[in-house]
Amino acid sequence: MLEIRDLVKIYAGPVAALRGVTLEVPKGMFGLLGPNGAGKTTLMRIVAGLLEPTSGTVHFNGEDIVADPRRIRRQLGYLPQDFGFYPHLTGESMLRFLLVLKGVQAPGGLKHLAAELLDRVNLSQAARRKVKGYSGGMRQRLGIAQALAGDPKLLIVDEPTAGLDPEERLRFYRLLAELAEDRTVLLSTHIVEDISVLCPRMAIISGGRFVADTTPAEARGLLAGKIFQGQVDRERVAEIDRDYRVTQGVLIEGRHRVRIHVPDGPPPEGFEAAEPTLEDAYLLLAQANGEGNGDQAGAPPAHEGSGDDHAEAGASEEPAL
């Protein structure tokens, strides 16, 4: 069990990236869904023992990650959002190099272990190919291979399917689902489909706070009878957007197809009831609770991180909030 209690992270500024988040993550696959800039990567780095929080606690199976990050690393596998490889190395050589850096001990030798890991992620046939010739999905599977070294009990994957084509994404889904059968997998993503396909439980983070801890089915069920869809002319789009919460708007044959949330009362003319989706629920929760993103904290930080921490606060991929 992963237990997060009252976690706060404040960067210099002061800028609050996490604002007192509390969460319990059981064994199996758990999804953390939120937009870019919501604080997901900051949270992942704290759980991985790579970043010190301003306050709060993180425990995994009784181990205090904040007090002694080194102890969790023996149980941890981590695939960060941006994983760098040396393109001139083969997949096998790259993996063996990463195993050496991680200090992995292998009774049968690192070459044997690397072969086992590559086979597990279905890269054996590409083991002698240079990484520069790998597709995006193959690079992600190579990243998972290094994360699996040591048979970790906690696996953290941060935005693992971003940039993958549909076929690679489905292949990666199957791999992650298999890995979650005997360990805790914490999946961080801004892609709703990732959560819908993989996760029996999920949390939504917005503005550095958890705004929901639920299941995809429960999130959709809360919107039953409250989502409507209709086609409107361009002149009417602004009116609909002003009067209702819009969860989707696409252009079809010159007309706008709009999905809206109507919590009570009749829908506007031309709109009919539609089956709620997880994307509807996610967008409504993020919109309703995301005000104040980027606000300055009310007090100076109790702890200021390293220069790398400050760089993350200003990064375009995951700016601290």
C-alpha atoms as a PDB file:
ATOM      1  CA  MET A   1       0.000   0.000   0.000  1.00  0.00           C
ATOM      2  CA  LEU A   2       1.265   3.457  -0.980  1.00  0.00           C
ATOM      3  CA  GLU A   3       0.107   6.115   1.503  1.00  0.00           C
ATOM      4  CA  ILE A   4       0.457   9.835   0.803  1.00  0.00           C
ATOM      5  CA  ARG A   5      -0.513  12.239   3.602  1.00  0.00           C
ATOM      6  CA  ASP A   6      -0.840  16.040   3.499  1.00  0.00           C
ATOM      7  CA  LEU A   7       1.883  16.422   0.884  1.00  0.00           C
ATOM      8  CA  VAL A   8       2.983  19.959   0.089  1.00  0.00           C
ATOM      9  CA  LYS A   9       5.669  21.157  -2.307  1.00  0.00           C
ATOM     10  CA  ILE A  10       6.497  24.857  -2.586  1.00  0.00           C
ATOM     11  CA  TYR A  11       9.137  26.172  -4.945  1.00  0.00           C
ATOM     12  CA  ALA A  12      10.927  29.505  -4.729  1.00  0.00           C
ATOM     13  CA  GLY A  13       8.677  32.398  -5.647  1.00  0.00           C
ATOM     14  CA  PRO A  14       6.876  31.074  -3.648  1.00  0.00           C
ATOM     15  CA  VAL A  15       4.905  28.828  -6.031  1.00  0.00           C
ATOM     16  CA  ALA A  16       2.834  25.904  -4.725  1.00  0.00           C
ATOM     17  CA  ALA A  17       3.092  22.747  -6.852  1.00  0.00           C
ATOM     18  CA  LEU A  18       1.290  20.468  -4.389  1.00  0.00           C
ATOM     19  CA  ARG A  19      -1.241  21.767  -1.877  1.00  0.00           C
ATOM     20  CA  GLY A  20      -1.770  19.169   0.830  1.00  0.00           C
ATOM     21  CA  VAL A  21      -2.564  16.044  -1.217  1.00  0.00           C
ATOM     22  CA  THR A  22      -3.629  12.821   0.508  1.00  0.00           C
ATOM     23  CA  LEU A  23      -4.103   9.506  -1.268  1.00  0.00           C
ATOM     24  CA  GLU A  24      -4.013   5.742  -0.700  1.00  0.00           C
ATOM     25  CA  VAL A  25      -2.921   3.575  -3.614  1.00  0.00           C
ATOM     26  CA  PRO A  26      -3.611  -0.188  -3.332  1.00  0.00           C
ATOM     27  CA  LYS A  27      -1.915  -3.041  -5.173  1.00  0.00           C
ATOM     28  CA  GLY A  28      -2.690  -3.134  -8.883  1.00  0.00           C
ATOM     29  CA  MET A  29      -3.044  -0.338 -11.432  1.00  0.00           C
ATOM     30  CA  PHE A  30      -3.925   3.138 -10.160  1.00  0.00           C
ATOM     31  CA  GLY A  31      -4.324   6.128 -12.464  1.00  0.00           C
ATOM     32  CA  LEU A  32      -3.393   9.726 -11.716  1.00  0.00           C
ATOM     33  CA  LEU A  33      -5.133  11.941 -14.268  1.00  0.00           C
ATOM     34  CA  GLY A  34      -4.572  15.651 -14.710  1.00  0.00           C
ATOM     35  CA  PRO A  35      -3.643  18.335 -17.232  1.00  0.00           C
ATOM     36  CA  ASN A  36      -0.070  19.391 -17.909  1.00  0.00           C
ATOM     37  CA  GLY A  37       0.982  21.645 -15.055  1.00  0.00           C
ATOM     38  CA  ALA A  38      -1.304  20.031 -12.463  1.00  0.00           C
ATOM     39  CA  GLY A  39       1.584  18.765 -10.311  1.00  0.00           C
ATOM     40  CA  LYS A  40       1.728  15.137 -11.480  1.00  0.00           C
ATOM     41  CA  THR A  41       5.463  14.997 -12.202  1.00  0.00           C
ATOM     42  CA  THR A  42       6.288  16.738  -8.931  1.00  0.00           C
ATOM     43  CA  LEU A  43       4.260  14.107  -7.087  1.00  0.00           C
ATOM     44  CA  MET A  44       5.873  11.242  -9.031  1.00  0.00           C
ATOM     45  CA  ARG A  45       9.366  12.506  -8.243  1.00  0.00           C
ATOM     46  CA  ILE A  46       8.574  12.783  -4.536  1.00  0.00           C
ATOM     47  CA  VAL A  47       7.134   9.258  -4.435  1.00  0.00           C
ATOM     48  CA  ALA A  48      10.238   8.001  -6.271  1.00  0.00           C
ATOM     49  CA  GLY A  49      12.446   9.585  -3.607  1.00  0.00           C
ATOM     50  CA  LEU A  50      14.028  12.021  -6.073  1.00  0.00           C
ATOM     51  CA  LEU A  51      12.532  15.224  -4.682  1.00  0.00           C
ATOM     52  CA  GLU A  52      12.048  16.352  -1.098  1.00  0.00           C
ATOM     53  CA  PRO A  53       8.600  17.720  -0.206  1.00  0.00           C
ATOM     54  CA  THR A  54       8.087  20.883   1.779  1.00  0.00           C
ATOM     55  CA  SER A  55       5.929  18.919   4.215  1.00  0.00           C
ATOM     56  CA  GLY A  56       3.874  15.743   4.450  1.00  0.00           C
ATOM     57  CA  THR A  57       4.641  12.030   4.435  1.00  0.00           C
ATOM     58  CA  VAL A  58       4.882   9.185   1.905  1.00  0.00           C
ATOM     59  CA  HIS A  59       4.992   5.531   3.011  1.00  0.00           C
ATOM     60  CA  PHE A  60       5.152   2.342   0.960  1.00  0.00           C
ATOM     61  CA  ASN A  61       4.559  -0.912   2.806  1.00  0.00           C
ATOM     62  CA  GLY A  62       5.556   0.844   6.017  1.00  0.00           C
ATOM     63  CA  GLU A  63       8.768   2.359   4.628  1.00  0.00           C
ATOM     64  CA  ASP A  64       9.103   6.128   5.097  1.00  0.00           C
ATOM     65  CA  ILE A  65      10.138   7.414   1.656  1.00  0.00           C
ATOM     66  CA  VAL A  66      10.641  11.016   2.785  1.00  0.00           C
ATOM     67  CA  ALA A  67      12.859  10.112   5.761  1.00  0.00           C
ATOM     68  CA  ASP A  68      15.041   7.616   3.863  1.00  0.00           C
ATOM     69  CA  PRO A  69      14.583   7.650   0.060  1.00  0.00           C
ATOM     70  CA  ARG A  70      17.332   5.057  -0.424  1.00  0.00           C
ATOM     71  CA  ARG A  71      15.234   2.324   1.181  1.00  0.00           C
ATOM     72  CA  ILE A  72      12.415   2.686  -1.340  1.00  0.00           C
ATOM     73  CA  ARG A  73      14.765   2.405  -4.304  1.00  0.00           C
ATOM     74  CA  ARG A  74      15.236  -1.304  -3.658  1.00  0.00           C
ATOM     75  CA  GLN A  75      11.473  -1.758  -4.190  1.00  0.00           C
ATOM     76  CA  LEU A  76      10.996   0.870  -6.904  1.00  0.00           C
ATOM     77  CA  GLY A  77      10.910   0.929 -10.679  1.00  0.00           C
ATOM     78  CA  TYR A  78      10.573   4.352 -12.313  1.00  0.00           C
ATOM     79  CA  LEU A  79       9.939   5.390 -15.906  1.00  0.00           C
ATOM     80  CA  PRO A  80      10.063   9.207 -16.004  1.00  0.00           C
ATOM     81  CA  GLN A  81       8.287  11.356 -18.547  1.00  0.00           C
ATOM     82  CA  ASP A  82      11.501  12.102 -20.443  1.00  0.00           C
ATOM     83  CA  PHE A  83      13.927   9.183 -20.494  1.00  0.00           C
ATOM     84  CA  GLY A  84      17.210   9.796 -22.288  1.00  0.00           C
ATOM     85  CA  PHE A  85      19.052   7.092 -24.231  1.00  0.00           C
ATOM     86  CA  TYR A  86      22.383   7.050 -26.049  1.00  0.00           C
ATOM     87  CA  PRO A  87      21.217   6.622 -29.669  1.00  0.00           C
ATOM     88  CA  HIS A  88      24.441   4.994 -30.901  1.00  0.00           C
ATOM     89  CA  LEU A  89      24.156   2.083 -28.426  1.00  0.00           C
ATOM     90  CA  THR A  90      22.190  -1.070 -29.119  1.00  0.00           C
ATOM     91  CA  GLY A  91      19.144  -1.801 -26.993  1.00  0.00           C
ATOM     92  CA  GLU A  92      21.051  -4.550 -25.157  1.00  0.00           C
ATOM     93  CA  SER A  93      24.087  -2.338 -24.494  1.00  0.00           C
ATOM     94  CA  MET A  94      21.919   0.559 -23.370  1.00  0.00           C
ATOM     95  CA  LEU A  95      20.015  -1.637 -20.942  1.00  0.00           C
ATOM     96  CA  ARG A  96      23.176  -3.177 -19.489  1.00  0.00           C
ATOM     97  CA  PHE A  97      24.631   0.310 -19.017  1.00  0.00           C
ATOM     98  CA  LEU A  98      21.485   1.390 -17.135  1.00  0.00           C
ATOM     99  CA  LEU A  99      21.622  -1.708 -14.941  1.00  0.00           C
ATOM    100  CA  VAL A 100      25.210  -0.843 -13.997  1.00  0.00           C
ATOM    101  CA  LEU A 101      24.204   2.726 -13.132  1.00  0.00           C
ATOM    102  CA  LYS A 102      21.383   1.400 -10.938  1.00  0.00           C
ATOM    103  CA  GLY A 103      23.756  -0.945  -9.133  1.00  0.00           C
ATOM    104  CA  VAL A 104      21.678  -4.001  -9.980  1.00  0.00           C
ATOM    105  CA  GLN A 105      23.111  -7.323  -8.801  1.00  0.00           C
ATOM    106  CA  ALA A 106      22.376 -10.342 -11.015  1.00  0.00           C
ATOM    107  CA  PRO A 107      23.482 -13.855  -9.947  1.00  0.00           C
ATOM    108  CA  GLY A 108      23.632 -14.986 -13.578  1.00  0.00           C
ATOM    109  CA  GLY A 109      25.346 -11.803 -14.748  1.00  0.00           C
ATOM    110  CA  LEU A 110      24.019  -8.577 -16.253  1.00  0.00           C
ATOM    111  CA  LYS A 111      24.065  -9.936 -19.799  1.00  0.00           C
ATOM    112  CA  HIS A 112      21.697 -12.737 -18.824  1.00  0.00           C
ATOM    113  CA  LEU A 113      19.448 -10.368 -16.862  1.00  0.00           C
ATOM    114  CA  ALA A 114      19.322  -7.879 -19.747  1.00  0.00           C
ATOM    115  CA  ALA A 115      18.273 -10.671 -22.111  1.00  0.00           C
ATOM    116  CA  GLU A 116      15.491 -11.721 -19.713  1.00  0.00           C
ATOM    117  CA  LEU A 117      14.212  -8.153 -19.373  1.00  0.00           C
ATOM    118  CA  LEU A 118      14.275  -7.525 -23.122  1.00  0.00           C
ATOM    119  CA  ASP A 119      12.332 -10.724 -23.666  1.00  0.00           C
ATOM    120  CA  ARG A 120       9.735  -9.673 -21.099  1.00  0.00           C
ATOM    121  CA  VAL A 121       9.054  -6.406 -22.935  1.00  0.00           C
ATOM    122  CA  ASN A 122       9.144  -8.118 -26.359  1.00  0.00           C
ATOM    123  CA  LEU A 123      12.379  -6.512 -27.552  1.00  0.00           C
ATOM    124  CA  SER A 124      14.568  -9.612 -27.930  1.00  0.00           C
ATOM    125  CA  GLN A 125      14.540  -9.422 -31.737  1.00  0.00           C
ATOM    126  CA  ALA A 126      15.620  -5.765 -31.578  1.00  0.00           C
ATOM    127  CA  ALA A 127      18.284  -6.245 -28.902  1.00  0.00           C
ATOM    128  CA  ARG A 128      21.190  -5.683 -31.321  1.00  0.00           C
ATOM    129  CA  ARG A 129      19.592  -2.761 -33.141  1.00  0.00           C
ATOM    130  CA  LYS A 130      20.766   0.746 -32.276  1.00  0.00           C
ATOM    131  CA  VAL A 131      18.380   2.735 -30.115  1.00  0.00           C
ATOM    132  CA  LYS A 132      18.274   5.543 -32.685  1.00  0.00           C
ATOM    133  CA  GLY A 133      16.345   3.149 -34.938  1.00  0.00           C
ATOM    134  CA  TYR A 134      13.727   2.351 -32.275  1.00  0.00           C
ATOM    135  CA  SER A 135      10.172   3.614 -32.566  1.00  0.00           C
ATOM    136  CA  GLY A 136       8.614   5.604 -29.719  1.00  0.00           C
ATOM    137  CA  GLY A 137       6.885   2.522 -28.383  1.00  0.00           C
ATOM    138  CA  MET A 138      10.103   0.483 -28.464  1.00  0.00           C
ATOM    139  CA  ARG A 139      11.914   3.194 -26.512  1.00  0.00           C
ATOM    140  CA  GLN A 140       9.164   3.158 -23.895  1.00  0.00           C
ATOM    141  CA  ARG A 141       9.404  -0.627 -23.611  1.00  0.00           C
ATOM    142  CA  LEU A 142      13.174  -0.314 -23.177  1.00  0.00           C
ATOM    143  CA  GLY A 143      12.506   2.190 -20.403  1.00  0.00           C
ATOM    144  CA  ILE A 144      10.116  -0.255 -18.752  1.00  0.00           C
ATOM    145  CA  ALA A 145      12.768  -2.972 -19.005  1.00  0.00           C
ATOM    146  CA  GLN A 146      15.205  -0.966 -16.872  1.00  0.00           C
ATOM    147  CA  ALA A 147      12.419  -0.098 -14.438  1.00  0.00           C
ATOM    148  CA  LEU A 148      11.671  -3.816 -13.933  1.00  0.00           C
ATOM    149  CA  ALA A 149      15.208  -4.662 -12.859  1.00  0.00           C
ATOM    150  CA  GLY A 150      15.135  -6.049  -9.332  1.00  0.00           C
ATOM    151  CA  ASP A 151      11.451  -7.046  -9.597  1.00  0.00           C
ATOM    152  CA  PRO A 152      10.131  -3.832  -7.954  1.00  0.00           C
ATOM    153  CA  LYS A 153       6.978  -3.857  -5.837  1.00  0.00           C
ATOM    154  CA  LEU A 154       6.154  -0.267  -6.827  1.00  0.00           C
ATOM    155  CA  LEU A 155       6.301   0.793 -10.470  1.00  0.00           C
ATOM    156  CA  ILE A 156       5.867   4.483 -11.378  1.00  0.00           C
ATOM    157  CA  VAL A 157       5.241   5.423 -14.999  1.00  0.00           C
ATOM    158  CA  ASP A 158       4.896   9.107 -15.906  1.00  0.00           C
ATOM    159  CA  GLU A 159       3.080   9.936 -19.184  1.00  0.00           C
ATOM    160  CA  PRO A 160       4.135   6.609 -20.748  1.00  0.00           C
ATOM    161  CA  THR A 161       1.923   6.737 -23.876  1.00  0.00           C
ATOM    162  CA  ALA A 162       2.412  10.367 -24.900  1.00  0.00           C
ATOM    163  CA  GLY A 163       3.481  10.486 -28.549  1.00  0.00           C
ATOM    164  CA  LEU A 164       2.788   6.801 -29.276  1.00  0.00           C
ATOM    165  CA  ASP A 165       0.759   5.786 -32.305  1.00  0.00           C
ATOM    166  CA  PRO A 166      -2.443   3.756 -31.702  1.00  0.00           C
ATOM    167  CA  GLU A 167      -0.824   0.365 -32.349  1.00  0.00           C
ATOM    168  CA  GLU A 168       2.117   1.061 -30.037  1.00  0.00           C
ATOM    169  CA  ARG A 169      -0.238   2.405 -27.389  1.00  0.00           C
ATOM    170  CA  LEU A 170      -2.301  -0.803 -27.397  1.00  0.00           C
ATOM    171  CA  ARG A 171       0.863  -2.896 -27.121  1.00  0.00           C
ATOM    172  CA  PHE A 172       1.999  -0.801 -24.180  1.00  0.00           C
ATOM    173  CA  TYR A 173      -1.426  -1.127 -22.526  1.00  0.00           C
ATOM    174  CA  ARG A 174      -1.107  -4.920 -22.597  1.00  0.00           C
ATOM    175  CA  LEU A 175       2.358  -4.755 -21.052  1.00  0.00           C
ATOM    176  CA  LEU A 176       1.297  -2.422 -18.228  1.00  0.00           C
ATOM    177  CA  ALA A 177      -1.805  -4.499 -17.467  1.00  0.00           C
ATOM    178  CA  GLU A 178       0.359  -7.609 -17.145  1.00  0.00           C
ATOM    179  CA  LEU A 179       2.823  -5.837 -14.846  1.00  0.00           C
ATOM    180  CA  ALA A 180       0.037  -4.643 -12.533  1.00  0.00           C
ATOM    181  CA  GLU A 181      -1.044  -8.189 -11.704  1.00  0.00           C
ATOM    182  CA  ASP A 182       1.548  -8.636  -8.934  1.00  0.00           C
ATOM    183  CA  ARG A 183       2.635  -5.135  -7.915  1.00  0.00           C
ATOM    184  CA  THR A 184       1.468  -1.553  -7.408  1.00  0.00           C
ATOM    185  CA  VAL A 185       1.611   0.478 -10.622  1.00  0.00           C
ATOM    186  CA  LEU A 186       1.090   4.232 -10.394  1.00  0.00           C
ATOM    187  CA  LEU A 187       0.261   5.605 -13.844  1.00  0.00           C
ATOM    188  CA  SER A 188       0.421   9.374 -14.333  1.00  0.00           C
ATOM    189  CA  THR A 189      -1.131  10.753 -17.518  1.00  0.00           C
ATOM    190  CA  HIS A 190      -3.142  13.550 -19.108  1.00  0.00           C
ATOM    191  CA  ILE A 191      -4.647  11.104 -21.633  1.00  0.00           C
ATOM    192  CA  VAL A 192      -8.133  10.024 -20.553  1.00  0.00           C
ATOM    193  CA  GLU A 193      -8.037   6.865 -22.672  1.00  0.00           C
ATOM    194  CA  ASP A 194      -5.060   5.555 -20.659  1.00  0.00           C
ATOM    195  CA  ILE A 195      -7.150   5.634 -17.498  1.00  0.00           C
ATOM    196  CA  SER A 196     -10.314   4.321 -19.125  1.00  0.00           C
ATOM    197  CA  VAL A 197      -8.532   1.263 -20.538  1.00  0.00           C
ATOM    198  CA  LEU A 198      -6.182   0.380 -17.681  1.00  0.00           C
ATOM    199  CA  CYS A 199      -7.278   1.658 -14.296  1.00  0.00           C
ATOM    200  CA  PRO A 200      -9.945   0.231 -11.950  1.00  0.00           C
ATOM    201  CA  ARG A 201      -9.322   3.219  -9.661  1.00  0.00           C
ATOM    202  CA  MET A 202      -8.184   6.753 -10.376  1.00  0.00           C
ATOM    203  CA  ALA A 203      -7.553  10.141  -8.849  1.00  0.00           C
ATOM    204  CA  ILE A 204      -7.856  13.485 -10.623  1.00  0.00           C
ATOM    205  CA  ILE A 205      -5.377  16.222  -9.774  1.00  0.00           C
ATOM    206  CA  SER A 206      -5.917  19.877 -10.656  1.00  0.00           C
ATOM    207  CA  GLY A 207      -4.019  22.908  -9.429  1.00  0.00           C
ATOM    208  CA  GLY A 208      -1.901  20.815  -7.072  1.00  0.00           C
ATOM    209  CA  ARG A 209      -4.923  19.292  -5.315  1.00  0.00           C
ATOM    210  CA  PHE A 210      -6.786  16.012  -5.649  1.00  0.00           C
ATOM    211  CA  VAL A 211     -10.325  16.803  -6.741  1.00  0.00           C
ATOM    212  CA  ALA A 212     -11.554  13.198  -7.049  1.00  0.00           C
ATOM    213  CA  ASP A 213     -10.627   9.714  -5.830  1.00  0.00           C
ATOM    214  CA  THR A 214     -12.997   7.365  -7.616  1.00  0.00           C
ATOM    215  CA  THR A 215     -13.455   4.752 -10.337  1.00  0.00           C
ATOM    216  CA  PRO A 216     -14.096   5.484 -14.026  1.00  0.00           C
ATOM    217  CA  ALA A 217     -17.560   3.913 -13.723  1.00  0.00           C
ATOM    218  CA  GLU A 218     -18.471   6.010 -10.675  1.00  0.00           C
ATOM    219  CA  ALA A 219     -17.233   9.190 -12.353  1.00  0.00           C
ATOM    220  CA  ARG A 220     -19.389   8.522 -15.411  1.00  0.00           C
ATOM    221  CA  GLY A 221     -22.370   7.499 -13.280  1.00  0.00           C
ATOM    222  CA  LEU A 222     -22.468  10.844 -11.492  1.00  0.00           C
ATOM    223  CA  LEU A 223     -23.287  12.474 -14.842  1.00  0.00           C
ATOM    224  CA  ALA A 224     -26.129  10.148 -15.841  1.00  0.00           C
ATOM    225  CA  GLY A 225     -28.925  12.189 -17.414  1.00  0.00           C
ATOM    226  CA  LYS A 226     -26.866  15.391 -17.255  1.00  0.00           C
ATOM    227  CA  ILE A 227     -24.866  15.275 -20.508  1.00  0.00           C
ATOM    228  CA  PHE A 228     -26.495  16.500 -23.716  1.00  0.00           C
ATOM    229  CA  GLN A 229     -25.280  16.802 -27.287  1.00  0.00           C
ATOM    230  CA  GLY A 230     -26.411  18.907 -30.221  1.00  0.00           C
ATOM    231  CA  GLN A 231     -25.316  20.563 -33.432  1.00  0.00           C
ATOM    232  CA  VAL A 232     -25.355  24.352 -33.522  1.00  0.00           C
ATOM    233  CA  ASP A 233     -24.423  27.094 -35.962  1.00  0.00           C
ATOM    234  CA  ARG A 234     -21.256  29.078 -35.393  1.00  0.00           C
ATOM    235  CA  GLU A 235     -23.247  32.129 -34.279  1.00  0.00           C
ATOM    236  CA  ARG A 236     -24.731  30.150 -31.381  1.00  0.00           C
ATOM    237  CA  VAL A 237     -21.481  28.670 -30.047  1.00  0.00           C
ATOM    238  CA  ALA A 238     -20.627  31.682 -27.868  1.00  0.00           C
ATOM    239  CA  GLU A 239     -24.113  31.647 -26.332  1.00  0.00           C
ATOM    240  CA  ILE A 240     -23.871  27.945 -25.447  1.00  0.00           C
ATOM    241  CA  ASP A 241     -20.381  28.391 -24.052  1.00  0.00           C
ATOM    242  CA  ARG A 242     -21.584  31.274 -21.872  1.00  0.00           C
ATOM    243  CA  ASP A 243     -24.636  29.529 -20.453  1.00  0.00           C
ATOM    244  CA  TYR A 244     -23.391  25.934 -20.012  1.00  0.00           C
ATOM    245  CA  ARG A 245     -20.275  23.956 -19.183  1.00  0.00           C
ATOM    246  CA  VAL A 246     -19.026  22.592 -22.505  1.00  0.00           C
ATOM    247  CA  THR A 247     -17.161  19.266 -22.361  1.00  0.00           C
ATOM    248  CA  GLN A 248     -16.530  18.883 -26.079  1.00  0.00           C
ATOM    249  CA  GLY A 249     -16.864  20.897 -29.266  1.00  0.00           C
ATOM    250  CA  VAL A 250     -15.973  19.594 -32.726  1.00  0.00           C
ATOM    251  CA  LEU A 251     -16.694  20.827 -36.243  1.00  0.00           C
ATOM    252  CA  ILE A 252     -18.647  18.400 -38.464  1.00  0.00           C
ATOM    253  CA  GLU A 253     -19.755  19.340 -41.977  1.00  0.00           C
ATOM    254  CA  GLY A 254     -19.575  23.039 -41.198  1.00  0.00           C
ATOM    255  CA  ARG A 255     -21.611  22.823 -37.986  1.00  0.00           C
ATOM    256  CA  HIS A 256     -20.418  22.582 -34.415  1.00  0.00           C
ATOM    257  CA  ARG A 257     -21.263  19.435 -32.452  1.00  0.00           C
ATOM    258  CA  VAL A 258     -21.229  20.406 -28.797  1.00  0.00           C
ATOM    259  CA  ARG A 259     -21.519  18.329 -25.610  1.00  0.00           C
ATOM    260  CA  ILE A 260     -22.703  20.186 -22.514  1.00  0.00           C
ATOM    261  CA  HIS A 261     -23.402  19.546 -18.842  1.00  0.00           C
ATOM    262  CA  VAL A 262     -26.908  20.429 -17.649  1.00  0.00           C
ATOM    263  CA  PRO A 263     -27.104  19.664 -13.906  1.00  0.00           C
ATOM    264  CA  ASP A 264     -30.824  20.443 -13.679  1.00  0.00           C
ATOM    265  CA  GLY A 265     -33.657  21.665 -15.858  1.00  0.00           C
ATOM    266  CA  PRO A 266     -34.241  21.080 -19.562  1.00  0.00           C
ATOM    267  CA  PRO A 267     -31.422  21.253 -22.134  1.00  0.00           C
ATOM    268  CA  PRO A 268     -31.341  24.016 -24.758  1.00  0.00           C
ATOM    269  CA  GLU A 269     -33.299  23.565 -27.952  1.00  0.00           C
ATOM    270  CA  GLY A 270     -31.803  21.036 -30.350  1.00  0.00           C
ATOM    271  CA  PHE A 271     -29.887  19.086 -27.691  1.00  0.00           C
ATOM    272  CA  GLU A 272     -30.522  15.444 -26.822  1.00  0.00           C
ATOM    273  CA  ALA A 273     -29.367  13.237 -23.944  1.00  0.00           C
ATOM    274  CA  ALA A 274     -25.987  11.552 -24.493  1.00  0.00           C
ATOM    275  CA  GLU A 275     -24.133   8.774 -22.697  1.00  0.00           C
ATOM    276  CA  PRO A 276     -21.591  10.314 -20.269  1.00  0.00           C
ATOM    277  CA  THR A 277     -17.923   9.568 -20.905  1.00  0.00           C
ATOM    278  CA  LEU A 278     -14.931   9.624 -18.597  1.00  0.00           C
ATOM    279  CA  GLU A 279     -13.663  12.627 -20.552  1.00  0.00           C
ATOM    280  CA  ASP A 280     -16.863  14.514 -19.654  1.00  0.00           C
ATOM    281  CA  ALA A 281     -16.338  13.755 -15.977  1.00  0.00           C
ATOM    282  CA  TYR A 282     -12.641  14.616 -16.051  1.00  0.00           C
ATOM    283  CA  LEU A 283     -13.095  17.952 -17.803  1.00  0.00           C
ATOM    284  CA  LEU A 284     -15.930  19.021 -15.529  1.00  0.00           C
ATOM    285  CA  LEU A 285     -13.967  18.184 -12.379  1.00  0.00           C
ATOM    286  CA  ALA A 286     -10.822  19.874 -13.661  1.00  0.00           C
ATOM    287  CA  GLN A 287     -12.742  22.991 -14.739  1.00  0.00           C
ATOM    288  CA  ALA A 288     -14.685  23.250 -11.482  1.00  0.00           C
ATOM    289  CA  ASN A 289     -11.645  22.845  -9.259  1.00  0.00           C
ATOM    290  CA  GLY A 290      -8.837  24.252 -11.351  1.00  0.00           C
ATOM    291  CA  GLU A 291      -9.300  27.924 -10.579  1.00  0.00           C
ATOM    292  CA  GLY A 292      -6.221  29.521  -9.113  1.00  0.00           C
ATOM    293  CA  ASN A 293      -3.679  27.443 -11.058  1.00  0.00           C
ATOM    294  CA  GLY A 294      -0.345  29.157 -10.807  1.00  0.00           C
ATOM    295  CA  ASP A 295      -1.296  31.170  -7.722  1.00  0.00           C
ATOM    296  CA  GLN A 296       1.531  32.150  -5.460  1.00  0.00           C
ATOM    297  CA  ALA A 297       1.644  30.478  -2.094  1.00  0.00           C
ATOM    298  CA  GLY A 298       0.647  32.526   0.894  1.00  0.00           C
ATOM    299  CA  ALA A 299       3.920  32.110   2.758  1.00  0.00           C
ATOM    300  CA  PRO A 300       7.609  31.604   2.019  1.00  0.00           C
ATOM    301  CA  PRO A 301       8.587  27.973   1.450  1.00  0.00           C
ATOM    302  CA  ALA A 302       9.706  25.969   4.449  1.00  0.00           C
ATOM    303  CA  HIS A 303      12.189  24.188   2.205  1.00  0.00           C
ATOM    304  CA  GLU A 304      13.696  25.259  -1.099  1.00  0.00           C
ATOM    305  CA  GLY A 305      14.740  22.487  -3.439  1.00  0.00           C
ATOM    306  CA  SER A 306      17.816  22.156  -5.602  1.00  0.00           C
ATOM    307  CA  GLY A 307      18.429  23.983  -8.831  1.00  0.00           C
ATOM    308  CA  ASP A 308      16.847  21.050 -10.668  1.00  0.00           C
ATOM    309  CA  ASP A 309      13.686  21.536  -8.632  1.00  0.00           C
ATOM    310  CA  HIS A 310      13.531  25.171  -9.604  1.00  0.00           C
ATOM    311  CA  ALA A 311      14.074  24.231 -13.237  1.00  0.00           C
ATOM    312  CA  GLU A 312      11.056  21.945 -13.048  1.00  0.00           C
ATOM    313  CA  ALA A 313       8.991  24.808 -11.685  1.00  0.00           C
ATOM    314  CA  GLY A 314       9.577  26.691 -14.889  1.00  0.00           C
ATOM    315  CA  ALA A 315       9.580  23.793 -17.332  1.00  0.00           C
ATOM    316  CA  SER A 316       7.082  23.853 -20.138  1.00  0.00           C
ATOM    317  CA  GLU A 317       6.224  20.139 -19.817  1.00  0.00           C
ATOM    318  CA  GLU A 318       5.197  20.241 -16.154  1.00  0.00           C
ATOM    319  CA  PRO A 319       5.388  23.750 -14.648  1.00  0.00           C
ATOM    320  CA  ALA A 320       4.994  23.829 -10.890  1.00  0.00           C
ATOM    321  CA  LEU A 321       1.846  25.502  -9.651  1.00  0.00           C
END
